[in-house]
Amino acid sequence: MDRRAVYGPRDGTVLSQQSQHRSDEILDGDIDEVLQAKRADGKFWRNLREQDLPIRVQQILHQIGFYGVYRCGRIQYDCHLITALVERWRSETHSFHFRVGEATITLQDVQYASAVALLLLGGTIEKGKAAIGGALQLVQIWAWSRIIPLCPGLGAPRVHMGPHQIDNNRVLPGAPYGAMWNCEHTFTRTVRTTVRVIRDILDEMQYDQFIWQPYDMESNVIMAYAGNFNPQLWRSICPLIFYAIVEMHHPERVLRQFGMMQNIPDQPDTRDMSIVRAQIGFCSTYSTSLDGKDDMTRSYKDNPFPTEEIQIEDIGNGTTT
């Protein structure tokens, strides 16, 4: 296989940063290096295994939107899978580029997986990087849910999926969609921890091997958090901001993930994200005080990437075309 034809691009009009992209190392022959995941939550989850959080703390987590993350638990990373996905992530379009088309982790995926807004990959995936951070658990669940040849078999969940009855009048919701992946995995029909094989699967993936809409909207797991979902938010073009990292959310490039016909998207804006941070109002002296948040809000209103909802109606019965 001609890997330059796969990772290219043949035309650099859209993917203009290939020379700085990690996939360029594959073209240079460096094909076995695996990214190491930055993770510092091991002690936290070990403590939770020894003693559950007090009910009052769980209620507070639910009120602030982090209860879903707690119920998901800790899932072991597959760094080989994450490495292969990173090689497909393009910061110019803020999406993965596969043979079947562009796909990305939308705000719908974020809400379904853990019911809390998390950052994705963040920034340019540059050559020479040896480690990666971010919401890698979300990235891995997203890939398992959609890429059929990479989806492991699922055993019994390690976490209780049902609602948590506090007393006769109080109930905390069941675990979110992401928690169902916290279980024993079997790989009799798929692969793991082999970056070359995973890379080849992504390189040769066929249309019927990618699930554009993997969620069962009527399942108890999804319906448990239905009150927190905001479909208008899912279809918003907006910056996702986490201090110094800005990642644009471009659902208009992946309309098939919403059951719509995909048109040809506009030329992506490839301006330096550091400029966007400055214009939005984030900097190294960002204050967490109430006044600082007010300043941030005023600056955000004047930012060059205003939030806008995609004005596109569903096609027919909402099936992928």
C-alpha atoms as a PDB file:
ATOM      1  CA  MET A   1       0.000   0.000   0.000  1.00  0.00           C
ATOM      2  CA  ASP A   2       1.193   3.498  -0.861  1.00  0.00           C
ATOM      3  CA  ARG A   3       1.010   5.161   2.559  1.00  0.00           C
ATOM      4  CA  ARG A   4       1.586   8.589   1.048  1.00  0.00           C
ATOM      5  CA  ALA A   5      -1.690   8.126  -0.812  1.00  0.00           C
ATOM      6  CA  VAL A   6      -3.375   7.233   2.502  1.00  0.00           C
ATOM      7  CA  TYR A   7      -1.905   9.943   4.723  1.00  0.00           C
ATOM      8  CA  GLY A   8      -0.994  12.339   1.897  1.00  0.00           C
ATOM      9  CA  PRO A   9      -2.568  14.603   1.330  1.00  0.00           C
ATOM     10  CA  ARG A  10      -2.393  14.612  -2.441  1.00  0.00           C
ATOM     11  CA  ASP A  11      -3.690  18.189  -2.366  1.00  0.00           C
ATOM     12  CA  GLY A  12      -2.518  20.357   0.543  1.00  0.00           C
ATOM     13  CA  THR A  13      -5.255  22.973   0.208  1.00  0.00           C
ATOM     14  CA  VAL A  14      -7.193  21.717   3.246  1.00  0.00           C
ATOM     15  CA  LEU A  15      -4.628  19.633   5.134  1.00  0.00           C
ATOM     16  CA  SER A  16      -1.897  22.225   4.948  1.00  0.00           C
ATOM     17  CA  GLN A  17       0.159  21.157   7.989  1.00  0.00           C
ATOM     18  CA  GLN A  18       1.246  17.694   6.883  1.00  0.00           C
ATOM     19  CA  SER A  19       4.961  18.428   7.262  1.00  0.00           C
ATOM     20  CA  GLN A  20       4.437  19.035  11.019  1.00  0.00           C
ATOM     21  CA  HIS A  21       1.911  16.238  11.530  1.00  0.00           C
ATOM     22  CA  ARG A  22       2.736  13.026  13.358  1.00  0.00           C
ATOM     23  CA  SER A  23       1.615  10.864  10.432  1.00  0.00           C
ATOM     24  CA  ASP A  24       4.507  12.251   8.407  1.00  0.00           C
ATOM     25  CA  GLU A  25       6.822  10.101  10.554  1.00  0.00           C
ATOM     26  CA  ILE A  26       5.097   7.016   9.127  1.00  0.00           C
ATOM     27  CA  LEU A  27       5.957   8.201   5.642  1.00  0.00           C
ATOM     28  CA  ASP A  28       9.554   8.599   6.844  1.00  0.00           C
ATOM     29  CA  GLY A  29       9.588   4.967   8.035  1.00  0.00           C
ATOM     30  CA  ASP A  30       9.076   5.458  11.811  1.00  0.00           C
ATOM     31  CA  ILE A  31       6.100   3.138  12.139  1.00  0.00           C
ATOM     32  CA  ASP A  32       6.429   1.412  15.520  1.00  0.00           C
ATOM     33  CA  GLU A  33       6.548   4.258  18.063  1.00  0.00           C
ATOM     34  CA  VAL A  34       3.536   4.242  20.397  1.00  0.00           C
ATOM     35  CA  LEU A  35       2.378   7.325  22.252  1.00  0.00           C
ATOM     36  CA  GLN A  36       2.300   7.084  26.033  1.00  0.00           C
ATOM     37  CA  ALA A  37      -0.846   8.343  27.733  1.00  0.00           C
ATOM     38  CA  LYS A  38      -0.475  10.998  30.415  1.00  0.00           C
ATOM     39  CA  ARG A  39      -2.643   9.888  33.305  1.00  0.00           C
ATOM     40  CA  ALA A  40      -2.686  10.838  36.968  1.00  0.00           C
ATOM     41  CA  ASP A  41      -5.953   9.366  38.225  1.00  0.00           C
ATOM     42  CA  GLY A  42      -4.738   5.947  39.394  1.00  0.00           C
ATOM     43  CA  LYS A  43      -4.602   6.797  43.102  1.00  0.00           C
ATOM     44  CA  PHE A  44      -8.031   8.438  42.967  1.00  0.00           C
ATOM     45  CA  TRP A  45      -9.725   5.328  41.549  1.00  0.00           C
ATOM     46  CA  ARG A  46      -7.777   3.005  43.867  1.00  0.00           C
ATOM     47  CA  ASN A  47      -9.133   4.948  46.831  1.00  0.00           C
ATOM     48  CA  LEU A  48     -12.677   4.639  45.459  1.00  0.00           C
ATOM     49  CA  ARG A  49     -12.300   0.876  45.176  1.00  0.00           C
ATOM     50  CA  GLU A  50     -11.474   0.765  48.878  1.00  0.00           C
ATOM     51  CA  GLN A  51     -14.259   3.110  49.980  1.00  0.00           C
ATOM     52  CA  ASP A  52     -17.230   4.557  48.067  1.00  0.00           C
ATOM     53  CA  LEU A  53     -17.808   8.272  47.974  1.00  0.00           C
ATOM     54  CA  PRO A  54     -20.220   9.534  50.649  1.00  0.00           C
ATOM     55  CA  ILE A  55     -23.772  10.007  49.368  1.00  0.00           C
ATOM     56  CA  ARG A  56     -23.605  13.755  49.916  1.00  0.00           C
ATOM     57  CA  VAL A  57     -20.505  13.987  47.716  1.00  0.00           C
ATOM     58  CA  GLN A  58     -22.239  11.960  45.001  1.00  0.00           C
ATOM     59  CA  GLN A  59     -25.203  14.341  45.141  1.00  0.00           C
ATOM     60  CA  ILE A  60     -22.884  17.305  44.694  1.00  0.00           C
ATOM     61  CA  LEU A  61     -21.187  15.619  41.734  1.00  0.00           C
ATOM     62  CA  HIS A  62     -24.617  15.108  40.195  1.00  0.00           C
ATOM     63  CA  GLN A  63     -25.532  18.762  40.734  1.00  0.00           C
ATOM     64  CA  ILE A  64     -22.371  20.064  39.051  1.00  0.00           C
ATOM     65  CA  GLY A  65     -22.495  17.571  36.174  1.00  0.00           C
ATOM     66  CA  PHE A  66     -19.615  15.236  37.083  1.00  0.00           C
ATOM     67  CA  TYR A  67     -21.616  12.324  38.442  1.00  0.00           C
ATOM     68  CA  GLY A  68     -21.471  10.540  35.087  1.00  0.00           C
ATOM     69  CA  VAL A  69     -17.674  10.583  35.127  1.00  0.00           C
ATOM     70  CA  TYR A  70     -17.682   9.043  38.604  1.00  0.00           C
ATOM     71  CA  ARG A  71     -20.094   6.298  37.497  1.00  0.00           C
ATOM     72  CA  CYS A  72     -18.023   5.514  34.392  1.00  0.00           C
ATOM     73  CA  GLY A  73     -15.020   4.527  36.483  1.00  0.00           C
ATOM     74  CA  ARG A  74     -11.515   3.981  35.152  1.00  0.00           C
ATOM     75  CA  ILE A  75     -11.010   2.179  31.842  1.00  0.00           C
ATOM     76  CA  GLN A  76      -7.595   0.874  30.822  1.00  0.00           C
ATOM     77  CA  TYR A  77      -6.131   2.762  27.865  1.00  0.00           C
ATOM     78  CA  ASP A  78      -5.132   1.009  24.665  1.00  0.00           C
ATOM     79  CA  CYS A  79      -2.215   3.244  23.695  1.00  0.00           C
ATOM     80  CA  HIS A  80      -1.793   1.457  20.361  1.00  0.00           C
ATOM     81  CA  LEU A  81      -5.369   2.317  19.393  1.00  0.00           C
ATOM     82  CA  ILE A  82      -4.981   5.895  20.589  1.00  0.00           C
ATOM     83  CA  THR A  83      -1.734   6.256  18.627  1.00  0.00           C
ATOM     84  CA  ALA A  84      -3.392   5.053  15.412  1.00  0.00           C
ATOM     85  CA  LEU A  85      -6.282   7.478  15.939  1.00  0.00           C
ATOM     86  CA  VAL A  86      -3.917  10.378  16.612  1.00  0.00           C
ATOM     87  CA  GLU A  87      -2.306   9.726  13.241  1.00  0.00           C
ATOM     88  CA  ARG A  88      -5.750  10.259  11.702  1.00  0.00           C
ATOM     89  CA  TRP A  89      -6.623  13.431  13.647  1.00  0.00           C
ATOM     90  CA  ARG A  90      -6.161  16.683  11.730  1.00  0.00           C
ATOM     91  CA  SER A  91      -6.107  19.971  13.588  1.00  0.00           C
ATOM     92  CA  GLU A  92      -6.898  21.849  10.359  1.00  0.00           C
ATOM     93  CA  THR A  93     -10.426  20.386  10.309  1.00  0.00           C
ATOM     94  CA  HIS A  94     -10.635  19.208  13.945  1.00  0.00           C
ATOM     95  CA  SER A  95     -11.700  15.754  12.798  1.00  0.00           C
ATOM     96  CA  PHE A  96     -10.465  12.246  12.072  1.00  0.00           C
ATOM     97  CA  HIS A  97      -9.845  11.472   8.388  1.00  0.00           C
ATOM     98  CA  PHE A  98     -10.803   7.928   7.376  1.00  0.00           C
ATOM     99  CA  ARG A  99     -11.379   6.230   4.051  1.00  0.00           C
ATOM    100  CA  VAL A 100     -15.135   6.469   4.705  1.00  0.00           C
ATOM    101  CA  GLY A 101     -14.950  10.222   5.298  1.00  0.00           C
ATOM    102  CA  GLU A 102     -14.437  12.651   8.150  1.00  0.00           C
ATOM    103  CA  ALA A 103     -15.677  11.836  11.643  1.00  0.00           C
ATOM    104  CA  THR A 104     -15.198  13.495  14.996  1.00  0.00           C
ATOM    105  CA  ILE A 105     -16.166  13.391  18.647  1.00  0.00           C
ATOM    106  CA  THR A 106     -19.139  15.712  18.908  1.00  0.00           C
ATOM    107  CA  LEU A 107     -20.751  17.236  21.962  1.00  0.00           C
ATOM    108  CA  GLN A 108     -23.417  14.551  21.593  1.00  0.00           C
ATOM    109  CA  ASP A 109     -20.752  11.881  22.135  1.00  0.00           C
ATOM    110  CA  VAL A 110     -19.426  13.787  25.133  1.00  0.00           C
ATOM    111  CA  GLN A 111     -22.834  14.015  26.791  1.00  0.00           C
ATOM    112  CA  TYR A 112     -23.758  10.404  26.086  1.00  0.00           C
ATOM    113  CA  ALA A 113     -20.448   8.949  27.200  1.00  0.00           C
ATOM    114  CA  SER A 114     -20.002  10.735  30.499  1.00  0.00           C
ATOM    115  CA  ALA A 115     -22.615  13.492  30.806  1.00  0.00           C
ATOM    116  CA  VAL A 116     -19.953  16.153  31.232  1.00  0.00           C
ATOM    117  CA  ALA A 117     -18.050  18.384  28.820  1.00  0.00           C
ATOM    118  CA  LEU A 118     -14.485  17.148  28.400  1.00  0.00           C
ATOM    119  CA  LEU A 119     -11.648  18.261  26.148  1.00  0.00           C
ATOM    120  CA  LEU A 120     -10.724  16.036  23.227  1.00  0.00           C
ATOM    121  CA  LEU A 121      -7.243  15.694  21.761  1.00  0.00           C
ATOM    122  CA  GLY A 122      -6.302  19.360  21.921  1.00  0.00           C
ATOM    123  CA  GLY A 123      -4.011  21.190  19.548  1.00  0.00           C
ATOM    124  CA  THR A 124      -1.786  19.978  16.761  1.00  0.00           C
ATOM    125  CA  ILE A 125      -0.498  16.407  16.966  1.00  0.00           C
ATOM    126  CA  GLU A 126       3.069  17.237  16.046  1.00  0.00           C
ATOM    127  CA  LYS A 127       5.981  15.107  14.959  1.00  0.00           C
ATOM    128  CA  GLY A 128       8.354  13.997  17.694  1.00  0.00           C
ATOM    129  CA  LYS A 129       5.780  13.893  20.492  1.00  0.00           C
ATOM    130  CA  ALA A 130       6.138  10.901  22.825  1.00  0.00           C
ATOM    131  CA  ALA A 131       3.096  11.383  25.088  1.00  0.00           C
ATOM    132  CA  ILE A 132      -0.450  12.654  24.897  1.00  0.00           C
ATOM    133  CA  GLY A 133      -3.045  13.841  27.399  1.00  0.00           C
ATOM    134  CA  GLY A 134      -6.684  14.839  27.298  1.00  0.00           C
ATOM    135  CA  ALA A 135      -9.952  12.897  27.477  1.00  0.00           C
ATOM    136  CA  LEU A 136      -8.426   9.716  26.092  1.00  0.00           C
ATOM    137  CA  GLN A 137     -11.015   7.498  27.776  1.00  0.00           C
ATOM    138  CA  LEU A 138     -13.686   9.324  25.777  1.00  0.00           C
ATOM    139  CA  VAL A 139     -11.649   8.962  22.567  1.00  0.00           C
ATOM    140  CA  GLN A 140     -11.275   5.227  23.132  1.00  0.00           C
ATOM    141  CA  ILE A 141     -14.977   4.690  23.880  1.00  0.00           C
ATOM    142  CA  TRP A 142     -15.862   6.696  20.765  1.00  0.00           C
ATOM    143  CA  ALA A 143     -13.674   4.454  18.594  1.00  0.00           C
ATOM    144  CA  TRP A 144     -14.977   1.224  20.128  1.00  0.00           C
ATOM    145  CA  SER A 145     -18.570   2.376  19.605  1.00  0.00           C
ATOM    146  CA  ARG A 146     -18.143   3.173  15.919  1.00  0.00           C
ATOM    147  CA  ILE A 147     -15.312   1.180  14.316  1.00  0.00           C
ATOM    148  CA  ILE A 148     -16.608  -2.385  14.070  1.00  0.00           C
ATOM    149  CA  PRO A 149     -13.263  -4.197  13.479  1.00  0.00           C
ATOM    150  CA  LEU A 150     -11.827  -2.557  16.616  1.00  0.00           C
ATOM    151  CA  CYS A 151     -14.784  -3.100  18.955  1.00  0.00           C
ATOM    152  CA  PRO A 152     -14.013  -5.650  21.709  1.00  0.00           C
ATOM    153  CA  GLY A 153     -16.512  -8.112  23.064  1.00  0.00           C
ATOM    154  CA  LEU A 154     -18.092  -6.902  26.296  1.00  0.00           C
ATOM    155  CA  GLY A 155     -18.401  -8.971  29.450  1.00  0.00           C
ATOM    156  CA  ALA A 156     -20.261  -8.142  32.641  1.00  0.00           C
ATOM    157  CA  PRO A 157     -19.846  -4.468  33.652  1.00  0.00           C
ATOM    158  CA  ARG A 158     -17.537  -3.779  36.592  1.00  0.00           C
ATOM    159  CA  VAL A 159     -19.839  -1.002  37.763  1.00  0.00           C
ATOM    160  CA  HIS A 160     -23.513  -1.059  38.731  1.00  0.00           C
ATOM    161  CA  MET A 161     -25.441   0.335  35.748  1.00  0.00           C
ATOM    162  CA  GLY A 162     -28.796   0.959  37.437  1.00  0.00           C
ATOM    163  CA  PRO A 163     -29.955   3.975  39.469  1.00  0.00           C
ATOM    164  CA  HIS A 164     -28.738   4.480  43.032  1.00  0.00           C
ATOM    165  CA  GLN A 165     -31.603   4.593  45.542  1.00  0.00           C
ATOM    166  CA  ILE A 166     -30.602   6.895  48.392  1.00  0.00           C
ATOM    167  CA  ASP A 167     -33.886   6.697  50.293  1.00  0.00           C
ATOM    168  CA  ASN A 168     -37.602   6.588  49.537  1.00  0.00           C
ATOM    169  CA  ASN A 169     -37.578  10.089  48.067  1.00  0.00           C
ATOM    170  CA  ARG A 170     -34.135  10.435  46.493  1.00  0.00           C
ATOM    171  CA  VAL A 171     -32.613   8.540  43.575  1.00  0.00           C
ATOM    172  CA  LEU A 172     -29.394   9.198  41.707  1.00  0.00           C
ATOM    173  CA  PRO A 173     -29.468   8.246  37.991  1.00  0.00           C
ATOM    174  CA  GLY A 174     -27.941   5.119  36.544  1.00  0.00           C
ATOM    175  CA  ALA A 175     -24.490   4.968  35.002  1.00  0.00           C
ATOM    176  CA  PRO A 176     -24.090   6.678  31.589  1.00  0.00           C
ATOM    177  CA  TYR A 177     -23.288   5.023  28.280  1.00  0.00           C
ATOM    178  CA  GLY A 178     -19.524   5.155  28.850  1.00  0.00           C
ATOM    179  CA  ALA A 179     -19.799   2.914  31.931  1.00  0.00           C
ATOM    180  CA  MET A 180     -20.883  -0.120  29.894  1.00  0.00           C
ATOM    181  CA  TRP A 181     -17.333  -0.269  28.496  1.00  0.00           C
ATOM    182  CA  ASN A 182     -15.862  -0.628  32.001  1.00  0.00           C
ATOM    183  CA  CYS A 183     -15.874  -4.424  31.907  1.00  0.00           C
ATOM    184  CA  GLU A 184     -13.840  -7.441  30.887  1.00  0.00           C
ATOM    185  CA  HIS A 185     -13.055  -7.254  27.170  1.00  0.00           C
ATOM    186  CA  THR A 186     -12.573 -10.143  24.759  1.00  0.00           C
ATOM    187  CA  PHE A 187     -10.618  -9.826  21.518  1.00  0.00           C
ATOM    188  CA  THR A 188     -11.406 -13.103  19.750  1.00  0.00           C
ATOM    189  CA  ARG A 189     -12.882 -11.217  16.776  1.00  0.00           C
ATOM    190  CA  THR A 190     -10.800  -8.068  16.850  1.00  0.00           C
ATOM    191  CA  VAL A 191      -7.299  -6.821  17.708  1.00  0.00           C
ATOM    192  CA  ARG A 192      -5.589  -4.829  20.406  1.00  0.00           C
ATOM    193  CA  THR A 193      -2.188  -3.438  21.392  1.00  0.00           C
ATOM    194  CA  THR A 194      -0.726  -3.752  17.901  1.00  0.00           C
ATOM    195  CA  VAL A 195      -0.364  -0.338  16.333  1.00  0.00           C
ATOM    196  CA  ARG A 196       0.631  -1.671  12.909  1.00  0.00           C
ATOM    197  CA  VAL A 197      -2.436  -3.901  12.653  1.00  0.00           C
ATOM    198  CA  ILE A 198      -4.786  -1.198  13.973  1.00  0.00           C
ATOM    199  CA  ARG A 199      -3.282   1.267  11.512  1.00  0.00           C
ATOM    200  CA  ASP A 200      -3.888  -1.139   8.630  1.00  0.00           C
ATOM    201  CA  ILE A 201      -7.511  -1.642   9.737  1.00  0.00           C
ATOM    202  CA  LEU A 202      -8.097   2.113   9.675  1.00  0.00           C
ATOM    203  CA  ASP A 203      -6.289   2.434   6.345  1.00  0.00           C
ATOM    204  CA  GLU A 204      -8.505  -0.217   4.708  1.00  0.00           C
ATOM    205  CA  MET A 205     -11.785   0.415   6.558  1.00  0.00           C
ATOM    206  CA  GLN A 206     -14.915  -0.007   4.418  1.00  0.00           C
ATOM    207  CA  TYR A 207     -18.102   2.020   4.642  1.00  0.00           C
ATOM    208  CA  ASP A 208     -20.083  -0.759   6.340  1.00  0.00           C
ATOM    209  CA  GLN A 209     -17.412  -1.075   9.047  1.00  0.00           C
ATOM    210  CA  PHE A 210     -18.119   2.367  10.530  1.00  0.00           C
ATOM    211  CA  ILE A 211     -21.253   3.085  12.581  1.00  0.00           C
ATOM    212  CA  TRP A 212     -22.282   6.700  12.120  1.00  0.00           C
ATOM    213  CA  GLN A 213     -25.048   6.609  14.749  1.00  0.00           C
ATOM    214  CA  PRO A 214     -24.235   3.997  17.415  1.00  0.00           C
ATOM    215  CA  TYR A 215     -26.622   5.071  20.176  1.00  0.00           C
ATOM    216  CA  ASP A 216     -29.902   3.381  21.076  1.00  0.00           C
ATOM    217  CA  MET A 217     -31.970   6.452  21.901  1.00  0.00           C
ATOM    218  CA  GLU A 218     -34.620   4.415  23.746  1.00  0.00           C
ATOM    219  CA  SER A 219     -32.270   2.446  25.996  1.00  0.00           C
ATOM    220  CA  ASN A 220     -32.395   2.933  29.751  1.00  0.00           C
ATOM    221  CA  VAL A 221     -28.723   3.920  29.750  1.00  0.00           C
ATOM    222  CA  ILE A 222     -29.364   6.838  27.400  1.00  0.00           C
ATOM    223  CA  MET A 223     -32.726   7.853  28.844  1.00  0.00           C
ATOM    224  CA  ALA A 224     -31.278   8.109  32.373  1.00  0.00           C
ATOM    225  CA  TYR A 225     -29.529  11.322  31.333  1.00  0.00           C
ATOM    226  CA  ALA A 226     -32.065  12.554  28.775  1.00  0.00           C
ATOM    227  CA  GLY A 227     -32.846  15.585  30.926  1.00  0.00           C
ATOM    228  CA  ASN A 228     -29.249  16.794  30.546  1.00  0.00           C
ATOM    229  CA  PHE A 229     -29.132  16.499  26.748  1.00  0.00           C
ATOM    230  CA  ASN A 230     -29.299  19.531  24.490  1.00  0.00           C
ATOM    231  CA  PRO A 231     -29.534  18.651  20.770  1.00  0.00           C
ATOM    232  CA  GLN A 232     -29.056  22.308  19.819  1.00  0.00           C
ATOM    233  CA  LEU A 233     -25.730  22.245  21.626  1.00  0.00           C
ATOM    234  CA  TRP A 234     -24.681  19.130  19.686  1.00  0.00           C
ATOM    235  CA  ARG A 235     -25.081  21.041  16.401  1.00  0.00           C
ATOM    236  CA  SER A 236     -23.280  24.186  17.504  1.00  0.00           C
ATOM    237  CA  ILE A 237     -20.128  25.425  15.801  1.00  0.00           C
ATOM    238  CA  CYS A 238     -18.092  26.734  18.703  1.00  0.00           C
ATOM    239  CA  PRO A 239     -14.674  26.639  20.393  1.00  0.00           C
ATOM    240  CA  LEU A 240     -14.113  24.064  23.154  1.00  0.00           C
ATOM    241  CA  ILE A 241     -11.842  25.772  25.658  1.00  0.00           C
ATOM    242  CA  PHE A 242      -9.742  24.412  28.477  1.00  0.00           C
ATOM    243  CA  TYR A 243      -7.320  27.085  29.716  1.00  0.00           C
ATOM    244  CA  ALA A 244      -4.497  27.165  27.143  1.00  0.00           C
ATOM    245  CA  ILE A 245      -6.053  24.595  24.772  1.00  0.00           C
ATOM    246  CA  VAL A 246      -8.701  25.466  22.195  1.00  0.00           C
ATOM    247  CA  GLU A 247     -10.303  22.857  19.946  1.00  0.00           C
ATOM    248  CA  MET A 248     -12.997  23.883  17.477  1.00  0.00           C
ATOM    249  CA  HIS A 249     -16.244  21.906  17.323  1.00  0.00           C
ATOM    250  CA  HIS A 250     -17.281  21.450  13.672  1.00  0.00           C
ATOM    251  CA  PRO A 251     -20.404  19.252  13.433  1.00  0.00           C
ATOM    252  CA  GLU A 252     -21.109  20.599   9.933  1.00  0.00           C
ATOM    253  CA  ARG A 253     -18.226  18.443   8.681  1.00  0.00           C
ATOM    254  CA  VAL A 254     -19.738  15.207  10.049  1.00  0.00           C
ATOM    255  CA  LEU A 255     -23.463  15.503   9.311  1.00  0.00           C
ATOM    256  CA  ARG A 256     -23.793  11.740   8.834  1.00  0.00           C
ATOM    257  CA  GLN A 257     -23.267  11.412  12.581  1.00  0.00           C
ATOM    258  CA  PHE A 258     -26.604  13.252  12.958  1.00  0.00           C
ATOM    259  CA  GLY A 259     -28.449  11.230  10.285  1.00  0.00           C
ATOM    260  CA  MET A 260     -28.100  13.939   7.632  1.00  0.00           C
ATOM    261  CA  MET A 261     -26.742  14.130   4.109  1.00  0.00           C
ATOM    262  CA  GLN A 262     -23.149  15.400   4.045  1.00  0.00           C
ATOM    263  CA  ASN A 263     -22.518  18.352   1.773  1.00  0.00           C
ATOM    264  CA  ILE A 264     -19.110  19.768   0.910  1.00  0.00           C
ATOM    265  CA  PRO A 265     -18.077  21.794   3.991  1.00  0.00           C
ATOM    266  CA  ASP A 266     -16.541  25.223   3.812  1.00  0.00           C
ATOM    267  CA  GLN A 267     -12.798  25.722   3.827  1.00  0.00           C
ATOM    268  CA  PRO A 268     -11.603  25.276   7.437  1.00  0.00           C
ATOM    269  CA  ASP A 269     -10.178  28.185   9.373  1.00  0.00           C
ATOM    270  CA  THR A 270      -6.558  27.316  10.151  1.00  0.00           C
ATOM    271  CA  ARG A 271      -5.692  30.371  12.191  1.00  0.00           C
ATOM    272  CA  ASP A 272      -3.308  29.831  15.084  1.00  0.00           C
ATOM    273  CA  MET A 273      -5.364  28.768  18.118  1.00  0.00           C
ATOM    274  CA  SER A 274      -3.143  30.924  20.353  1.00  0.00           C
ATOM    275  CA  ILE A 275      -4.614  33.951  18.577  1.00  0.00           C
ATOM    276  CA  VAL A 276      -8.097  32.633  19.209  1.00  0.00           C
ATOM    277  CA  ARG A 277      -7.284  32.200  22.920  1.00  0.00           C
ATOM    278  CA  ALA A 278      -6.166  35.803  23.172  1.00  0.00           C
ATOM    279  CA  GLN A 279      -9.275  37.076  21.389  1.00  0.00           C
ATOM    280  CA  ILE A 280     -11.611  34.936  23.494  1.00  0.00           C
ATOM    281  CA  GLY A 281     -10.018  36.252  26.656  1.00  0.00           C
ATOM    282  CA  PHE A 282      -7.997  33.297  27.982  1.00  0.00           C
ATOM    283  CA  CYS A 283      -4.395  33.790  28.970  1.00  0.00           C
ATOM    284  CA  SER A 284      -1.869  32.605  31.526  1.00  0.00           C
ATOM    285  CA  THR A 285      -3.242  35.076  34.080  1.00  0.00           C
ATOM    286  CA  TYR A 286      -6.821  33.779  33.775  1.00  0.00           C
ATOM    287  CA  SER A 287      -8.611  34.238  37.084  1.00  0.00           C
ATOM    288  CA  THR A 288     -11.086  31.757  38.563  1.00  0.00           C
ATOM    289  CA  SER A 289     -12.766  34.508  40.546  1.00  0.00           C
ATOM    290  CA  LEU A 290     -16.267  35.643  39.696  1.00  0.00           C
ATOM    291  CA  ASP A 291     -14.873  38.880  38.272  1.00  0.00           C
ATOM    292  CA  GLY A 292     -12.503  36.913  36.063  1.00  0.00           C
ATOM    293  CA  LYS A 293     -15.380  34.841  34.723  1.00  0.00           C
ATOM    294  CA  ASP A 294     -17.332  38.013  33.935  1.00  0.00           C
ATOM    295  CA  ASP A 295     -14.345  39.377  32.027  1.00  0.00           C
ATOM    296  CA  MET A 296     -14.035  36.108  30.160  1.00  0.00           C
ATOM    297  CA  THR A 297     -17.720  36.247  29.171  1.00  0.00           C
ATOM    298  CA  ARG A 298     -17.441  39.783  27.844  1.00  0.00           C
ATOM    299  CA  SER A 299     -14.370  38.881  25.821  1.00  0.00           C
ATOM    300  CA  TYR A 300     -16.023  35.754  24.485  1.00  0.00           C
ATOM    301  CA  LYS A 301     -18.933  37.742  23.068  1.00  0.00           C
ATOM    302  CA  ASP A 302     -16.509  39.542  20.783  1.00  0.00           C
ATOM    303  CA  ASN A 303     -14.505  36.488  19.751  1.00  0.00           C
ATOM    304  CA  PRO A 304     -13.987  35.686  16.044  1.00  0.00           C
ATOM    305  CA  PHE A 305     -15.710  32.283  16.323  1.00  0.00           C
ATOM    306  CA  PRO A 306     -19.291  33.040  17.433  1.00  0.00           C
ATOM    307  CA  THR A 307     -21.471  30.086  18.356  1.00  0.00           C
ATOM    308  CA  GLU A 308     -23.978  29.251  15.621  1.00  0.00           C
ATOM    309  CA  GLU A 309     -26.394  26.390  15.143  1.00  0.00           C
ATOM    310  CA  ILE A 310     -26.371  24.531  11.829  1.00  0.00           C
ATOM    311  CA  GLN A 311     -29.626  25.259  10.041  1.00  0.00           C
ATOM    312  CA  ILE A 312     -30.089  21.874   8.312  1.00  0.00           C
ATOM    313  CA  GLU A 313     -33.176  19.708   8.563  1.00  0.00           C
ATOM    314  CA  ASP A 314     -33.060  15.939   9.031  1.00  0.00           C
ATOM    315  CA  ILE A 315     -33.264  13.955   5.802  1.00  0.00           C
ATOM    316  CA  GLY A 316     -36.281  11.637   5.566  1.00  0.00           C
ATOM    317  CA  ASN A 317     -36.437   9.337   8.562  1.00  0.00           C
ATOM    318  CA  GLY A 318     -33.004  10.418   9.808  1.00  0.00           C
ATOM    319  CA  THR A 319     -31.088   7.453   8.419  1.00  0.00           C
ATOM    320  CA  THR A 320     -27.579   7.809   7.130  1.00  0.00           C
ATOM    321  CA  THR A 321     -27.321   8.303   3.410  1.00  0.00           C
END
